[in-house]
Amino acid sequence: MVRLTLPPPRRQKFWSRYRMLAVGLGIVGFWVLVALFAPLLSPYAPNVPDMSARLAMPSLQHLLGTDEYGRDLLTRIFFGARLSVFIAVASTLAAIAVGVPIGIYAGYRAGLAGEALMRVMDVFLAFPSLVLALAIGAAIGPGLTGELLAITLVSVPTFARQAYAGTVATKHLPFVESARATGAGVGRLIGRHLLPNMFGPLLVISTLNLGFAVLTGASLSFIGLGVPLPTAEWGSMVSDGSQYLVSGQWWMSLFPGLAIMTIVFAFNLVGDGLRDLADPRMRRSRSLSDAV
């Protein structure tokens, strides 16, 4: 007896394929809204101490508890989201602005200067990114500027390498050769033909780099190389709370750590989902699995 199975509805099929992307976008959207409206959502001032509520456990008055100065943790996590999102977006945009032109120049010109640039990028890629960021941050010194520069410098080689690979793979394709034969200049070739064809991979890498930037910024703050106190920052909050774990104040490190984990996890989900959308082979394999 042959059993006929009806294909799932289009909405159900989309959700089954890209539910992780939707979940990631939802979490990222939540933190972006928290960062934008932190002053409206926060029940207390982020940097005003209240020694009468020092080291209070989570309660109805302080949902996530307080720190060693009696400051509300929920409020400080909300305000810390503003700084973490800003650092992630600013450093990623700066890395794109520097790395993509380097990769395109090296891939399009293919001369000695281009090769030298890519070898420099390879030297940076040879070091673990987090260790290199900590070293650069220590050399520059604590502060927002040093934190942004450290994260940007370790992110530039990734974008440069991707742009270089995309340029080398595309510049000799027939449609690019046709545009060149019709008299298109270098700027038109790059803007109209090379960049659009590498937009998908760059978007995926950019999304993944946002999660890396949040984690690296928190690591720099954890060792004292981030924004100076008393500014609310997730990494410094975890560092401060770690001193009280032995005495039982677990909430001081747990909740800022969960905030870091959720947003980094969400950026990774979005990056994986965008990769599936941008890669025809991934879409084809998912279609075949749905058909089976």
C-alpha atoms as a PDB file:
ATOM      1  CA  MET A   1       0.000   0.000   0.000  1.00  0.00           C
ATOM      2  CA  VAL A   2       1.430   3.344  -1.084  1.00  0.00           C
ATOM      3  CA  ARG A   3       1.142   6.147   1.434  1.00  0.00           C
ATOM      4  CA  LEU A   4       0.883   9.620  -0.011  1.00  0.00           C
ATOM      5  CA  THR A   5       2.404  12.421   2.035  1.00  0.00           C
ATOM      6  CA  LEU A   6       1.519  16.013   1.403  1.00  0.00           C
ATOM      7  CA  PRO A   7       4.345  18.558   1.391  1.00  0.00           C
ATOM      8  CA  PRO A   8       4.416  20.795   4.468  1.00  0.00           C
ATOM      9  CA  PRO A   9       3.004  24.309   4.123  1.00  0.00           C
ATOM     10  CA  ARG A  10       5.416  26.987   2.979  1.00  0.00           C
ATOM     11  CA  ARG A  11       5.430  28.728   6.349  1.00  0.00           C
ATOM     12  CA  GLN A  12       6.128  25.479   8.189  1.00  0.00           C
ATOM     13  CA  LYS A  13       8.881  24.602   5.707  1.00  0.00           C
ATOM     14  CA  PHE A  14      10.580  27.973   6.184  1.00  0.00           C
ATOM     15  CA  TRP A  15      10.404  27.650   9.967  1.00  0.00           C
ATOM     16  CA  SER A  16      11.885  24.139   9.879  1.00  0.00           C
ATOM     17  CA  ARG A  17      14.799  25.351   7.768  1.00  0.00           C
ATOM     18  CA  TYR A  18      15.591  28.645   9.424  1.00  0.00           C
ATOM     19  CA  ARG A  19      14.272  28.391  12.966  1.00  0.00           C
ATOM     20  CA  MET A  20      17.771  28.830  14.395  1.00  0.00           C
ATOM     21  CA  LEU A  21      18.168  32.027  12.373  1.00  0.00           C
ATOM     22  CA  ALA A  22      14.855  33.285  13.692  1.00  0.00           C
ATOM     23  CA  VAL A  23      15.813  32.442  17.277  1.00  0.00           C
ATOM     24  CA  GLY A  24      19.154  34.198  16.876  1.00  0.00           C
ATOM     25  CA  LEU A  25      17.556  37.292  15.377  1.00  0.00           C
ATOM     26  CA  GLY A  26      15.039  37.351  18.212  1.00  0.00           C
ATOM     27  CA  ILE A  27      17.746  37.272  20.901  1.00  0.00           C
ATOM     28  CA  VAL A  28      19.863  39.870  19.112  1.00  0.00           C
ATOM     29  CA  GLY A  29      16.811  42.070  18.658  1.00  0.00           C
ATOM     30  CA  PHE A  30      16.042  41.789  22.360  1.00  0.00           C
ATOM     31  CA  TRP A  31      19.522  42.971  23.361  1.00  0.00           C
ATOM     32  CA  VAL A  32      19.476  45.772  20.791  1.00  0.00           C
ATOM     33  CA  LEU A  33      16.186  47.033  22.206  1.00  0.00           C
ATOM     34  CA  VAL A  34      17.585  46.757  25.732  1.00  0.00           C
ATOM     35  CA  ALA A  35      20.631  48.765  24.667  1.00  0.00           C
ATOM     36  CA  LEU A  36      18.508  51.454  23.011  1.00  0.00           C
ATOM     37  CA  PHE A  37      15.979  51.827  25.818  1.00  0.00           C
ATOM     38  CA  ALA A  38      18.132  51.021  28.856  1.00  0.00           C
ATOM     39  CA  PRO A  39      17.307  54.305  30.657  1.00  0.00           C
ATOM     40  CA  LEU A  40      13.578  53.604  30.289  1.00  0.00           C
ATOM     41  CA  LEU A  41      13.771  49.929  31.266  1.00  0.00           C
ATOM     42  CA  SER A  42      16.154  50.255  34.206  1.00  0.00           C
ATOM     43  CA  PRO A  43      14.552  50.635  37.650  1.00  0.00           C
ATOM     44  CA  TYR A  44      17.638  52.224  39.276  1.00  0.00           C
ATOM     45  CA  ALA A  45      20.633  54.394  38.408  1.00  0.00           C
ATOM     46  CA  PRO A  46      23.511  52.215  37.172  1.00  0.00           C
ATOM     47  CA  ASN A  47      26.388  53.850  39.042  1.00  0.00           C
ATOM     48  CA  VAL A  48      24.789  55.168  42.256  1.00  0.00           C
ATOM     49  CA  PRO A  49      25.813  53.066  45.283  1.00  0.00           C
ATOM     50  CA  ASP A  50      23.383  52.032  48.002  1.00  0.00           C
ATOM     51  CA  MET A  51      25.292  50.446  50.870  1.00  0.00           C
ATOM     52  CA  SER A  52      22.069  49.517  52.637  1.00  0.00           C
ATOM     53  CA  ALA A  53      21.356  47.019  49.828  1.00  0.00           C
ATOM     54  CA  ARG A  54      24.916  45.719  49.550  1.00  0.00           C
ATOM     55  CA  LEU A  55      25.241  42.129  48.258  1.00  0.00           C
ATOM     56  CA  ALA A  56      21.471  41.578  48.316  1.00  0.00           C
ATOM     57  CA  MET A  57      20.251  38.314  46.827  1.00  0.00           C
ATOM     58  CA  PRO A  58      17.786  38.310  43.912  1.00  0.00           C
ATOM     59  CA  SER A  59      14.390  39.451  45.162  1.00  0.00           C
ATOM     60  CA  LEU A  60      11.306  41.329  44.048  1.00  0.00           C
ATOM     61  CA  GLN A  61      13.051  44.600  44.846  1.00  0.00           C
ATOM     62  CA  HIS A  62      16.257  43.661  42.990  1.00  0.00           C
ATOM     63  CA  LEU A  63      15.391  40.944  40.479  1.00  0.00           C
ATOM     64  CA  LEU A  64      19.003  39.936  39.844  1.00  0.00           C
ATOM     65  CA  GLY A  65      20.444  41.050  43.169  1.00  0.00           C
ATOM     66  CA  THR A  66      22.990  43.777  43.873  1.00  0.00           C
ATOM     67  CA  ASP A  67      26.777  44.086  43.831  1.00  0.00           C
ATOM     68  CA  GLU A  68      29.271  45.008  46.526  1.00  0.00           C
ATOM     69  CA  TYR A  69      28.185  48.661  46.361  1.00  0.00           C
ATOM     70  CA  GLY A  70      24.464  47.946  46.438  1.00  0.00           C
ATOM     71  CA  ARG A  71      23.980  48.745  42.751  1.00  0.00           C
ATOM     72  CA  ASP A  72      21.166  46.895  41.001  1.00  0.00           C
ATOM     73  CA  LEU A  73      22.596  44.176  38.724  1.00  0.00           C
ATOM     74  CA  LEU A  74      19.669  44.221  36.309  1.00  0.00           C
ATOM     75  CA  THR A  75      20.175  47.930  35.740  1.00  0.00           C
ATOM     76  CA  ARG A  76      23.898  47.533  35.221  1.00  0.00           C
ATOM     77  CA  ILE A  77      23.382  44.629  32.809  1.00  0.00           C
ATOM     78  CA  PHE A  78      20.971  46.757  30.776  1.00  0.00           C
ATOM     79  CA  PHE A  79      23.440  49.638  30.614  1.00  0.00           C
ATOM     80  CA  GLY A  80      26.284  47.215  29.948  1.00  0.00           C
ATOM     81  CA  ALA A  81      24.391  46.030  26.878  1.00  0.00           C
ATOM     82  CA  ARG A  82      24.685  49.528  25.412  1.00  0.00           C
ATOM     83  CA  LEU A  83      28.456  49.451  25.664  1.00  0.00           C
ATOM     84  CA  SER A  84      28.827  45.853  24.461  1.00  0.00           C
ATOM     85  CA  VAL A  85      26.617  46.372  21.407  1.00  0.00           C
ATOM     86  CA  PHE A  86      28.375  49.641  20.562  1.00  0.00           C
ATOM     87  CA  ILE A  87      31.838  48.074  20.826  1.00  0.00           C
ATOM     88  CA  ALA A  88      30.804  45.084  18.708  1.00  0.00           C
ATOM     89  CA  VAL A  89      29.203  47.165  15.942  1.00  0.00           C
ATOM     90  CA  ALA A  90      31.847  49.913  15.885  1.00  0.00           C
ATOM     91  CA  SER A  91      34.816  47.534  15.822  1.00  0.00           C
ATOM     92  CA  THR A  92      33.228  45.333  13.138  1.00  0.00           C
ATOM     93  CA  LEU A  93      32.406  48.298  10.893  1.00  0.00           C
ATOM     94  CA  ALA A  94      35.926  49.657  11.345  1.00  0.00           C
ATOM     95  CA  ALA A  95      37.431  46.256  10.516  1.00  0.00           C
ATOM     96  CA  ILE A  96      35.291  46.059   7.361  1.00  0.00           C
ATOM     97  CA  ALA A  97      36.288  49.578   6.325  1.00  0.00           C
ATOM     98  CA  VAL A  98      39.991  48.702   6.635  1.00  0.00           C
ATOM     99  CA  GLY A  99      40.144  45.012   5.789  1.00  0.00           C
ATOM    100  CA  VAL A 100      37.917  44.836   2.702  1.00  0.00           C
ATOM    101  CA  PRO A 101      39.829  47.513   0.712  1.00  0.00           C
ATOM    102  CA  ILE A 102      43.116  45.828   1.620  1.00  0.00           C
ATOM    103  CA  GLY A 103      41.851  42.460   0.399  1.00  0.00           C
ATOM    104  CA  ILE A 104      40.365  43.874  -2.807  1.00  0.00           C
ATOM    105  CA  TYR A 105      43.536  45.821  -3.616  1.00  0.00           C
ATOM    106  CA  ALA A 106      45.763  42.807  -2.988  1.00  0.00           C
ATOM    107  CA  GLY A 107      43.535  40.493  -4.999  1.00  0.00           C
ATOM    108  CA  TYR A 108      42.897  42.824  -7.924  1.00  0.00           C
ATOM    109  CA  ARG A 109      46.410  44.171  -8.418  1.00  0.00           C
ATOM    110  CA  ALA A 110      48.215  40.919  -7.589  1.00  0.00           C
ATOM    111  CA  GLY A 111      51.553  42.700  -7.410  1.00  0.00           C
ATOM    112  CA  LEU A 112      54.377  42.809  -4.928  1.00  0.00           C
ATOM    113  CA  ALA A 113      52.584  45.341  -2.720  1.00  0.00           C
ATOM    114  CA  GLY A 114      49.462  43.190  -2.633  1.00  0.00           C
ATOM    115  CA  GLU A 115      51.437  40.092  -1.723  1.00  0.00           C
ATOM    116  CA  ALA A 116      53.234  41.977   1.028  1.00  0.00           C
ATOM    117  CA  LEU A 117      49.913  43.171   2.474  1.00  0.00           C
ATOM    118  CA  MET A 118      48.495  39.667   2.532  1.00  0.00           C
ATOM    119  CA  ARG A 119      51.613  38.259   4.189  1.00  0.00           C
ATOM    120  CA  VAL A 120      51.196  40.842   6.929  1.00  0.00           C
ATOM    121  CA  MET A 121      47.588  39.724   7.316  1.00  0.00           C
ATOM    122  CA  ASP A 122      48.762  36.116   7.508  1.00  0.00           C
ATOM    123  CA  VAL A 123      51.155  37.018  10.325  1.00  0.00           C
ATOM    124  CA  PHE A 124      48.233  38.444  12.315  1.00  0.00           C
ATOM    125  CA  LEU A 125      46.135  35.354  11.567  1.00  0.00           C
ATOM    126  CA  ALA A 126      48.924  33.109  12.830  1.00  0.00           C
ATOM    127  CA  PHE A 127      48.312  34.292  16.402  1.00  0.00           C
ATOM    128  CA  PRO A 128      45.229  33.294  18.417  1.00  0.00           C
ATOM    129  CA  SER A 129      42.854  36.225  18.012  1.00  0.00           C
ATOM    130  CA  LEU A 130      41.925  36.558  21.670  1.00  0.00           C
ATOM    131  CA  VAL A 131      45.549  36.408  22.852  1.00  0.00           C
ATOM    132  CA  LEU A 132      46.562  38.977  20.236  1.00  0.00           C
ATOM    133  CA  ALA A 133      43.724  41.282  21.276  1.00  0.00           C
ATOM    134  CA  LEU A 134      44.788  41.054  24.923  1.00  0.00           C
ATOM    135  CA  ALA A 135      48.379  41.849  23.972  1.00  0.00           C
ATOM    136  CA  ILE A 136      47.364  44.856  21.875  1.00  0.00           C
ATOM    137  CA  GLY A 137      45.006  46.065  24.588  1.00  0.00           C
ATOM    138  CA  ALA A 138      47.786  45.810  27.183  1.00  0.00           C
ATOM    139  CA  ALA A 139      50.152  47.752  24.908  1.00  0.00           C
ATOM    140  CA  ILE A 140      47.631  50.538  24.263  1.00  0.00           C
ATOM    141  CA  GLY A 141      46.299  50.728  27.798  1.00  0.00           C
ATOM    142  CA  PRO A 142      42.821  50.631  29.358  1.00  0.00           C
ATOM    143  CA  GLY A 143      39.965  52.674  27.968  1.00  0.00           C
ATOM    144  CA  LEU A 144      37.311  52.578  25.280  1.00  0.00           C
ATOM    145  CA  THR A 145      39.706  53.693  22.530  1.00  0.00           C
ATOM    146  CA  GLY A 146      42.227  50.981  23.308  1.00  0.00           C
ATOM    147  CA  GLU A 147      39.488  48.360  23.491  1.00  0.00           C
ATOM    148  CA  LEU A 148      38.081  49.351  20.105  1.00  0.00           C
ATOM    149  CA  LEU A 149      41.527  49.434  18.488  1.00  0.00           C
ATOM    150  CA  ALA A 150      42.486  46.021  19.872  1.00  0.00           C
ATOM    151  CA  ILE A 151      39.313  44.343  18.622  1.00  0.00           C
ATOM    152  CA  THR A 152      39.468  46.123  15.261  1.00  0.00           C
ATOM    153  CA  LEU A 153      43.107  45.225  14.581  1.00  0.00           C
ATOM    154  CA  VAL A 154      42.588  41.516  15.221  1.00  0.00           C
ATOM    155  CA  SER A 155      39.437  41.510  13.056  1.00  0.00           C
ATOM    156  CA  VAL A 156      40.930  43.260  10.011  1.00  0.00           C
ATOM    157  CA  PRO A 157      42.878  40.205   8.696  1.00  0.00           C
ATOM    158  CA  THR A 158      39.717  38.070   8.583  1.00  0.00           C
ATOM    159  CA  PHE A 159      37.900  40.545   6.349  1.00  0.00           C
ATOM    160  CA  ALA A 160      41.006  41.190   4.261  1.00  0.00           C
ATOM    161  CA  ARG A 161      41.491  37.474   3.614  1.00  0.00           C
ATOM    162  CA  GLN A 162      37.832  36.989   2.665  1.00  0.00           C
ATOM    163  CA  ALA A 163      37.849  40.005   0.336  1.00  0.00           C
ATOM    164  CA  TYR A 164      41.095  38.804  -1.216  1.00  0.00           C
ATOM    165  CA  ALA A 165      39.693  35.334  -1.871  1.00  0.00           C
ATOM    166  CA  GLY A 166      36.475  36.759  -3.319  1.00  0.00           C
ATOM    167  CA  THR A 167      38.364  39.142  -5.585  1.00  0.00           C
ATOM    168  CA  VAL A 168      40.739  36.478  -6.916  1.00  0.00           C
ATOM    169  CA  ALA A 169      37.821  34.098  -7.568  1.00  0.00           C
ATOM    170  CA  THR A 170      35.725  36.726  -9.364  1.00  0.00           C
ATOM    171  CA  LYS A 171      38.008  39.077 -11.294  1.00  0.00           C
ATOM    172  CA  HIS A 172      38.556  36.710 -14.245  1.00  0.00           C
ATOM    173  CA  LEU A 173      34.949  35.503 -14.612  1.00  0.00           C
ATOM    174  CA  PRO A 174      33.282  36.177 -17.990  1.00  0.00           C
ATOM    175  CA  PHE A 175      30.919  38.918 -16.805  1.00  0.00           C
ATOM    176  CA  VAL A 176      33.824  40.837 -15.259  1.00  0.00           C
ATOM    177  CA  GLU A 177      35.917  40.425 -18.414  1.00  0.00           C
ATOM    178  CA  SER A 178      32.964  41.629 -20.477  1.00  0.00           C
ATOM    179  CA  ALA A 179      32.564  44.723 -18.328  1.00  0.00           C
ATOM    180  CA  ARG A 180      36.292  45.405 -18.591  1.00  0.00           C
ATOM    181  CA  ALA A 181      36.158  45.000 -22.379  1.00  0.00           C
ATOM    182  CA  THR A 182      33.384  47.594 -22.617  1.00  0.00           C
ATOM    183  CA  GLY A 183      35.613  50.151 -20.919  1.00  0.00           C
ATOM    184  CA  ALA A 184      34.450  49.906 -17.296  1.00  0.00           C
ATOM    185  CA  GLY A 185      36.935  51.454 -14.895  1.00  0.00           C
ATOM    186  CA  VAL A 186      38.380  49.873 -11.791  1.00  0.00           C
ATOM    187  CA  GLY A 187      35.924  51.628  -9.505  1.00  0.00           C
ATOM    188  CA  ARG A 188      32.943  50.431 -11.535  1.00  0.00           C
ATOM    189  CA  LEU A 189      34.274  46.873 -11.704  1.00  0.00           C
ATOM    190  CA  ILE A 190      34.735  46.755  -7.948  1.00  0.00           C
ATOM    191  CA  GLY A 191      31.482  48.504  -7.039  1.00  0.00           C
ATOM    192  CA  ARG A 192      29.189  46.842  -9.570  1.00  0.00           C
ATOM    193  CA  HIS A 193      30.689  43.375  -9.951  1.00  0.00           C
ATOM    194  CA  LEU A 194      33.229  42.366  -7.306  1.00  0.00           C
ATOM    195  CA  LEU A 195      31.613  43.675  -4.113  1.00  0.00           C
ATOM    196  CA  PRO A 196      28.067  42.377  -4.804  1.00  0.00           C
ATOM    197  CA  ASN A 197      29.429  38.880  -5.415  1.00  0.00           C
ATOM    198  CA  MET A 198      31.274  38.786  -2.087  1.00  0.00           C
ATOM    199  CA  PHE A 199      28.514  40.467  -0.083  1.00  0.00           C
ATOM    200  CA  GLY A 200      27.039  37.192   1.208  1.00  0.00           C
ATOM    201  CA  PRO A 201      30.245  35.754   2.695  1.00  0.00           C
ATOM    202  CA  LEU A 202      31.204  39.141   4.132  1.00  0.00           C
ATOM    203  CA  LEU A 203      27.797  39.440   5.787  1.00  0.00           C
ATOM    204  CA  VAL A 204      28.187  36.023   7.410  1.00  0.00           C
ATOM    205  CA  ILE A 205      31.689  36.822   8.661  1.00  0.00           C
ATOM    206  CA  SER A 206      30.525  40.205   9.933  1.00  0.00           C
ATOM    207  CA  THR A 207      27.768  38.595  11.993  1.00  0.00           C
ATOM    208  CA  LEU A 208      30.140  36.034  13.485  1.00  0.00           C
ATOM    209  CA  ASN A 209      32.659  38.791  14.184  1.00  0.00           C
ATOM    210  CA  LEU A 210      30.047  40.659  16.226  1.00  0.00           C
ATOM    211  CA  GLY A 211      29.930  37.761  18.667  1.00  0.00           C
ATOM    212  CA  PHE A 212      33.722  37.602  18.742  1.00  0.00           C
ATOM    213  CA  ALA A 213      33.873  41.349  19.439  1.00  0.00           C
ATOM    214  CA  VAL A 214      31.470  41.057  22.381  1.00  0.00           C
ATOM    215  CA  LEU A 215      33.467  38.171  23.865  1.00  0.00           C
ATOM    216  CA  THR A 216      36.813  39.896  23.307  1.00  0.00           C
ATOM    217  CA  GLY A 217      35.550  43.164  24.778  1.00  0.00           C
ATOM    218  CA  ALA A 218      34.336  41.303  27.852  1.00  0.00           C
ATOM    219  CA  SER A 219      37.713  39.560  28.156  1.00  0.00           C
ATOM    220  CA  LEU A 220      39.566  42.872  27.998  1.00  0.00           C
ATOM    221  CA  SER A 221      37.271  44.318  30.659  1.00  0.00           C
ATOM    222  CA  PHE A 222      37.693  41.214  32.818  1.00  0.00           C
ATOM    223  CA  ILE A 223      41.433  41.841  33.170  1.00  0.00           C
ATOM    224  CA  GLY A 224      41.029  45.590  33.599  1.00  0.00           C
ATOM    225  CA  LEU A 225      41.766  46.773  30.043  1.00  0.00           C
ATOM    226  CA  GLY A 226      38.255  47.949  29.223  1.00  0.00           C
ATOM    227  CA  VAL A 227      36.328  51.076  30.090  1.00  0.00           C
ATOM    228  CA  PRO A 228      37.321  52.360  33.550  1.00  0.00           C
ATOM    229  CA  LEU A 229      35.026  51.861  36.521  1.00  0.00           C
ATOM    230  CA  PRO A 230      32.323  52.585  37.542  1.00  0.00           C
ATOM    231  CA  THR A 231      30.999  52.292  33.976  1.00  0.00           C
ATOM    232  CA  ALA A 232      28.806  49.211  33.664  1.00  0.00           C
ATOM    233  CA  GLU A 233      30.449  46.607  31.428  1.00  0.00           C
ATOM    234  CA  TRP A 234      29.708  42.908  31.424  1.00  0.00           C
ATOM    235  CA  GLY A 235      33.313  41.710  31.589  1.00  0.00           C
ATOM    236  CA  SER A 236      34.218  43.908  34.541  1.00  0.00           C
ATOM    237  CA  MET A 237      31.002  42.833  36.302  1.00  0.00           C
ATOM    238  CA  VAL A 238      31.995  39.183  35.955  1.00  0.00           C
ATOM    239  CA  SER A 239      35.460  40.034  37.249  1.00  0.00           C
ATOM    240  CA  ASP A 240      34.092  41.877  40.278  1.00  0.00           C
ATOM    241  CA  GLY A 241      31.663  39.085  41.047  1.00  0.00           C
ATOM    242  CA  SER A 242      34.321  36.383  40.838  1.00  0.00           C
ATOM    243  CA  GLN A 243      35.856  37.725  44.053  1.00  0.00           C
ATOM    244  CA  TYR A 244      32.640  36.915  45.928  1.00  0.00           C
ATOM    245  CA  LEU A 245      31.954  33.423  44.567  1.00  0.00           C
ATOM    246  CA  VAL A 246      33.633  31.747  47.532  1.00  0.00           C
ATOM    247  CA  SER A 247      31.505  33.680  50.015  1.00  0.00           C
ATOM    248  CA  GLY A 248      28.281  32.673  48.211  1.00  0.00           C
ATOM    249  CA  GLN A 249      27.342  35.736  46.119  1.00  0.00           C
ATOM    250  CA  TRP A 250      26.950  33.679  42.949  1.00  0.00           C
ATOM    251  CA  TRP A 251      24.567  36.071  41.204  1.00  0.00           C
ATOM    252  CA  MET A 252      27.198  38.786  40.720  1.00  0.00           C
ATOM    253  CA  SER A 253      29.084  36.749  38.099  1.00  0.00           C
ATOM    254  CA  LEU A 254      26.316  34.449  36.883  1.00  0.00           C
ATOM    255  CA  PHE A 255      23.926  36.970  35.361  1.00  0.00           C
ATOM    256  CA  PRO A 256      26.492  39.128  33.494  1.00  0.00           C
ATOM    257  CA  GLY A 257      28.047  35.883  32.242  1.00  0.00           C
ATOM    258  CA  LEU A 258      24.666  34.699  30.987  1.00  0.00           C
ATOM    259  CA  ALA A 259      24.208  38.010  29.178  1.00  0.00           C
ATOM    260  CA  ILE A 260      27.534  37.531  27.391  1.00  0.00           C
ATOM    261  CA  MET A 261      26.715  33.919  26.560  1.00  0.00           C
ATOM    262  CA  THR A 262      23.268  34.651  25.131  1.00  0.00           C
ATOM    263  CA  ILE A 263      24.310  37.467  22.802  1.00  0.00           C
ATOM    264  CA  VAL A 264      27.413  35.635  21.536  1.00  0.00           C
ATOM    265  CA  PHE A 265      25.330  32.493  20.997  1.00  0.00           C
ATOM    266  CA  ALA A 266      22.690  34.538  19.167  1.00  0.00           C
ATOM    267  CA  PHE A 267      25.236  36.119  16.814  1.00  0.00           C
ATOM    268  CA  ASN A 268      26.593  32.653  16.013  1.00  0.00           C
ATOM    269  CA  LEU A 269      23.078  31.398  15.261  1.00  0.00           C
ATOM    270  CA  VAL A 270      22.464  34.350  12.952  1.00  0.00           C
ATOM    271  CA  GLY A 271      25.786  33.794  11.211  1.00  0.00           C
ATOM    272  CA  ASP A 272      25.045  30.098  10.638  1.00  0.00           C
ATOM    273  CA  GLY A 273      21.565  30.923   9.369  1.00  0.00           C
ATOM    274  CA  LEU A 274      22.844  33.559   6.963  1.00  0.00           C
ATOM    275  CA  ARG A 275      25.446  31.101   5.716  1.00  0.00           C
ATOM    276  CA  ASP A 276      22.662  28.640   4.892  1.00  0.00           C
ATOM    277  CA  LEU A 277      20.762  31.355   3.041  1.00  0.00           C
ATOM    278  CA  ALA A 278      23.812  32.525   1.106  1.00  0.00           C
ATOM    279  CA  ASP A 279      25.111  29.060   0.128  1.00  0.00           C
ATOM    280  CA  PRO A 280      23.027  27.384  -2.627  1.00  0.00           C
ATOM    281  CA  ARG A 281      24.457  23.993  -1.704  1.00  0.00           C
ATOM    282  CA  MET A 282      23.131  24.301   1.841  1.00  0.00           C
ATOM    283  CA  ARG A 283      19.693  25.306   0.545  1.00  0.00           C
ATOM    284  CA  ARG A 284      19.690  22.356  -1.858  1.00  0.00           C
ATOM    285  CA  SER A 285      20.642  19.868   0.843  1.00  0.00           C
ATOM    286  CA  ARG A 286      17.932  21.192   3.159  1.00  0.00           C
ATOM    287  CA  SER A 287      15.374  20.959   0.359  1.00  0.00           C
ATOM    288  CA  LEU A 288      16.311  17.347  -0.278  1.00  0.00           C
ATOM    289  CA  SER A 289      16.065  16.498   3.422  1.00  0.00           C
ATOM    290  CA  ASP A 290      12.619  18.126   3.583  1.00  0.00           C
ATOM    291  CA  ALA A 291      11.494  16.163   0.535  1.00  0.00           C
ATOM    292  CA  VAL A 292      12.599  12.896   2.109  1.00  0.00           C
END
